[in-house]
Every structure is written in C-alpha cells, then in structure tokens.
Amino acid sequence: MTQLKLTPTEPTEAVVLAAVLRYLQCHPKVAWVARMNTGAGMFAHGKAAPSRFTRFGFKGSPDIHGMLKGGRALYVEVKRPSKRNNVSPEQASFLERASKHGGLAFVACSIDDVREVLDA
C-alpha cells in the first residue's frame, strides 16, 4: 500500500506578492507602493519597425518599491516561504544598501513578515 504524505501546499510567489502588495496598499504607514518588474524581451515598435530587444528594470531590483508616510523609501523582495533564503547576490546588495542609507528594505514571505517589520 502506498503511503500518502499529507502536507499543506505552499503558496506560489505570485500569490504571496499579490497578498503583500494588497496589505501594503492598505497599511496606514504606507504612502504608496508599486510592483516593479524587471526583465527583457523582444518588442515591436510599430508595424513597419523591426522588433527590438529591450531591457526593463535593473538586476537586483526588489519586487515592490514604495514610500512610507514621512518620505522614507520602502523596498520589499517577495519570496515564497521555502525560498526565503534564495535571495540573489544583487538583491541582497540592493536591500543592504537601501537599509544602510535610511530605507526600509527587507524580504517578505507573508503578510506576517510585513506586519512584523512595519509595526516594530
């Protein structure tokens, strides 16, 4: 007989990101937040123009950029719970520099992580 291992499913990073973004949009300490995409692709620039390779964002940029009321920068790198420590060197460097220079920058795997940081 095969034994089944019953474990709760882990949310995807997209699900965690959507929840964290919604929470931040409603938090009283947050002035604004936005999802920042990074990547590259081939994009057409009109019917007659050939497609061009275009990069957007920058390597290491966190998933969420924002500002707290009062002007302090806010940066959140979102990971699924099992990937909490899977931050790239560029992401770690960005978060460290932002924190060093007065920003609030951290990794979040859940709304609870955000609540803990903002309500500290």
C-alpha atoms as a PDB file:
ATOM      1  CA  MET A   1       0.000   0.000   0.000  1.00  0.00           C
ATOM      2  CA  THR A   2       1.339   3.438  -0.933  1.00  0.00           C
ATOM      3  CA  GLN A   3       1.615   5.927   1.900  1.00  0.00           C
ATOM      4  CA  LEU A   4       0.479   9.429   1.179  1.00  0.00           C
ATOM      5  CA  LYS A   5       2.316  12.330   2.697  1.00  0.00           C
ATOM      6  CA  LEU A   6      -0.225  14.999   3.515  1.00  0.00           C
ATOM      7  CA  THR A   7       1.356  18.404   3.702  1.00  0.00           C
ATOM      8  CA  PRO A   8      -0.209  21.782   3.112  1.00  0.00           C
ATOM      9  CA  THR A   9       0.558  23.260  -0.279  1.00  0.00           C
ATOM     10  CA  GLU A  10       2.849  26.249  -0.306  1.00  0.00           C
ATOM     11  CA  PRO A  11       1.614  29.445  -1.949  1.00  0.00           C
ATOM     12  CA  THR A  12       3.394  30.495  -5.115  1.00  0.00           C
ATOM     13  CA  GLU A  13       5.493  33.649  -5.137  1.00  0.00           C
ATOM     14  CA  ALA A  14       2.812  35.332  -7.268  1.00  0.00           C
ATOM     15  CA  VAL A  15       0.164  34.628  -4.605  1.00  0.00           C
ATOM     16  CA  VAL A  16       2.426  35.917  -1.814  1.00  0.00           C
ATOM     17  CA  LEU A  17       3.316  39.000  -3.873  1.00  0.00           C
ATOM     18  CA  ALA A  18      -0.334  39.863  -4.550  1.00  0.00           C
ATOM     19  CA  ALA A  19      -1.227  39.491  -0.859  1.00  0.00           C
ATOM     20  CA  VAL A  20       1.750  41.555   0.337  1.00  0.00           C
ATOM     21  CA  LEU A  21       1.031  44.293  -2.207  1.00  0.00           C
ATOM     22  CA  ARG A  22      -2.648  44.482  -1.171  1.00  0.00           C
ATOM     23  CA  TYR A  23      -1.660  44.613   2.506  1.00  0.00           C
ATOM     24  CA  LEU A  24       0.850  47.406   1.903  1.00  0.00           C
ATOM     25  CA  GLN A  25      -1.694  49.416  -0.096  1.00  0.00           C
ATOM     26  CA  CYS A  26      -3.971  49.433   2.962  1.00  0.00           C
ATOM     27  CA  HIS A  27      -1.359  49.922   5.693  1.00  0.00           C
ATOM     28  CA  PRO A  28      -1.666  53.315   7.444  1.00  0.00           C
ATOM     29  CA  LYS A  29       2.118  53.879   7.489  1.00  0.00           C
ATOM     30  CA  VAL A  30       2.488  53.458   3.696  1.00  0.00           C
ATOM     31  CA  ALA A  31       2.145  56.463   1.369  1.00  0.00           C
ATOM     32  CA  TRP A  32       2.359  54.441  -1.864  1.00  0.00           C
ATOM     33  CA  VAL A  33       3.643  51.141  -3.276  1.00  0.00           C
ATOM     34  CA  ALA A  34       4.062  49.699  -6.753  1.00  0.00           C
ATOM     35  CA  ARG A  35       5.102  46.415  -8.316  1.00  0.00           C
ATOM     36  CA  MET A  36       8.386  46.809 -10.180  1.00  0.00           C
ATOM     37  CA  ASN A  37       9.045  44.314 -12.948  1.00  0.00           C
ATOM     38  CA  THR A  38      12.467  43.511 -14.347  1.00  0.00           C
ATOM     39  CA  GLY A  39      13.419  41.511 -17.378  1.00  0.00           C
ATOM     40  CA  ALA A  40      13.897  41.717 -21.112  1.00  0.00           C
ATOM     41  CA  GLY A  41      12.181  40.779 -24.333  1.00  0.00           C
ATOM     42  CA  MET A  42      11.651  41.428 -27.998  1.00  0.00           C
ATOM     43  CA  PHE A  43       9.164  44.229 -28.552  1.00  0.00           C
ATOM     44  CA  ALA A  44       7.670  45.522 -31.776  1.00  0.00           C
ATOM     45  CA  HIS A  45       7.790  49.295 -32.202  1.00  0.00           C
ATOM     46  CA  GLY A  46       5.047  49.746 -34.787  1.00  0.00           C
ATOM     47  CA  LYS A  47       4.088  47.676 -37.798  1.00  0.00           C
ATOM     48  CA  ALA A  48       6.908  48.823 -40.061  1.00  0.00           C
ATOM     49  CA  ALA A  49       9.676  48.858 -37.446  1.00  0.00           C
ATOM     50  CA  PRO A  50      11.562  45.660 -36.628  1.00  0.00           C
ATOM     51  CA  SER A  51      11.328  44.153 -33.146  1.00  0.00           C
ATOM     52  CA  ARG A  52      13.977  45.344 -30.725  1.00  0.00           C
ATOM     53  CA  PHE A  53      15.499  43.665 -27.699  1.00  0.00           C
ATOM     54  CA  THR A  54      14.657  45.823 -24.682  1.00  0.00           C
ATOM     55  CA  ARG A  55      15.624  45.511 -21.007  1.00  0.00           C
ATOM     56  CA  PHE A  56      13.482  46.986 -18.266  1.00  0.00           C
ATOM     57  CA  GLY A  57      14.153  47.402 -14.582  1.00  0.00           C
ATOM     58  CA  PHE A  58      17.591  46.512 -13.253  1.00  0.00           C
ATOM     59  CA  LYS A  59      19.234  43.418 -11.840  1.00  0.00           C
ATOM     60  CA  GLY A  60      18.644  43.157  -8.100  1.00  0.00           C
ATOM     61  CA  SER A  61      15.622  45.439  -8.065  1.00  0.00           C
ATOM     62  CA  PRO A  62      13.138  44.317  -5.389  1.00  0.00           C
ATOM     63  CA  ASP A  63       9.602  43.281  -6.325  1.00  0.00           C
ATOM     64  CA  ILE A  64       7.939  46.200  -4.540  1.00  0.00           C
ATOM     65  CA  HIS A  65       9.051  49.836  -4.372  1.00  0.00           C
ATOM     66  CA  GLY A  66       7.256  52.402  -2.276  1.00  0.00           C
ATOM     67  CA  MET A  67       7.398  55.148   0.296  1.00  0.00           C
ATOM     68  CA  LEU A  68       6.318  55.404   3.888  1.00  0.00           C
ATOM     69  CA  LYS A  69       4.425  58.466   5.065  1.00  0.00           C
ATOM     70  CA  GLY A  70       7.135  60.920   6.033  1.00  0.00           C
ATOM     71  CA  GLY A  71       9.275  60.153   2.982  1.00  0.00           C
ATOM     72  CA  ARG A  72      11.267  57.031   3.914  1.00  0.00           C
ATOM     73  CA  ALA A  73      11.853  54.669   0.966  1.00  0.00           C
ATOM     74  CA  LEU A  74      10.290  51.197   1.147  1.00  0.00           C
ATOM     75  CA  TYR A  75      11.599  48.137  -0.730  1.00  0.00           C
ATOM     76  CA  VAL A  76      10.283  44.596  -0.370  1.00  0.00           C
ATOM     77  CA  GLU A  77      11.688  41.484  -2.044  1.00  0.00           C
ATOM     78  CA  VAL A  78       8.976  38.817  -2.010  1.00  0.00           C
ATOM     79  CA  LYS A  79       9.772  35.107  -1.838  1.00  0.00           C
ATOM     80  CA  ARG A  80       7.659  32.021  -1.284  1.00  0.00           C
ATOM     81  CA  PRO A  81       8.232  30.591   2.222  1.00  0.00           C
ATOM     82  CA  SER A  82      10.565  27.764   1.168  1.00  0.00           C
ATOM     83  CA  LYS A  83      12.711  30.202  -0.840  1.00  0.00           C
ATOM     84  CA  ARG A  84      13.214  32.806   1.940  1.00  0.00           C
ATOM     85  CA  ASN A  85      16.997  32.443   1.782  1.00  0.00           C
ATOM     86  CA  ASN A  86      17.101  32.263  -2.010  1.00  0.00           C
ATOM     87  CA  VAL A  87      17.902  35.959  -2.498  1.00  0.00           C
ATOM     88  CA  SER A  88      20.338  36.673  -5.318  1.00  0.00           C
ATOM     89  CA  PRO A  89      23.600  38.496  -4.511  1.00  0.00           C
ATOM     90  CA  GLU A  90      22.294  41.532  -6.434  1.00  0.00           C
ATOM     91  CA  GLN A  91      19.043  41.548  -4.452  1.00  0.00           C
ATOM     92  CA  ALA A  92      20.893  41.211  -1.148  1.00  0.00           C
ATOM     93  CA  SER A  93      23.234  44.047  -2.122  1.00  0.00           C
ATOM     94  CA  PHE A  94      20.331  46.331  -3.054  1.00  0.00           C
ATOM     95  CA  LEU A  95      18.449  45.644   0.193  1.00  0.00           C
ATOM     96  CA  GLU A  96      21.604  46.153   2.260  1.00  0.00           C
ATOM     97  CA  ARG A  97      22.476  49.468   0.560  1.00  0.00           C
ATOM     98  CA  ALA A  98      18.921  50.757   0.849  1.00  0.00           C
ATOM     99  CA  SER A  99      18.832  49.911   4.574  1.00  0.00           C
ATOM    100  CA  LYS A 100      22.277  51.426   5.146  1.00  0.00           C
ATOM    101  CA  HIS A 101      21.098  54.717   3.652  1.00  0.00           C
ATOM    102  CA  GLY A 102      17.838  55.016   5.595  1.00  0.00           C
ATOM    103  CA  GLY A 103      15.373  52.982   3.561  1.00  0.00           C
ATOM    104  CA  LEU A 104      13.201  50.229   4.944  1.00  0.00           C
ATOM    105  CA  ALA A 105      14.232  47.192   2.886  1.00  0.00           C
ATOM    106  CA  PHE A 106      13.517  43.548   3.664  1.00  0.00           C
ATOM    107  CA  VAL A 107      12.480  40.114   2.397  1.00  0.00           C
ATOM    108  CA  ALA A 108       8.872  39.034   2.976  1.00  0.00           C
ATOM    109  CA  CYS A 109       7.355  35.574   2.597  1.00  0.00           C
ATOM    110  CA  SER A 110       3.972  36.503   4.038  1.00  0.00           C
ATOM    111  CA  ILE A 111       1.821  39.342   5.293  1.00  0.00           C
ATOM    112  CA  ASP A 112       3.003  38.440   8.800  1.00  0.00           C
ATOM    113  CA  ASP A 113       6.596  39.306   7.789  1.00  0.00           C
ATOM    114  CA  VAL A 114       5.450  42.729   6.564  1.00  0.00           C
ATOM    115  CA  ARG A 115       3.338  43.342   9.670  1.00  0.00           C
ATOM    116  CA  GLU A 116       6.312  42.451  11.898  1.00  0.00           C
ATOM    117  CA  VAL A 117       8.597  44.944  10.146  1.00  0.00           C
ATOM    118  CA  LEU A 118       6.129  47.819   9.788  1.00  0.00           C
ATOM    119  CA  ASP A 119       4.689  47.534  13.275  1.00  0.00           C
ATOM    120  CA  ALA A 120       8.042  47.160  15.046  1.00  0.00           C
END
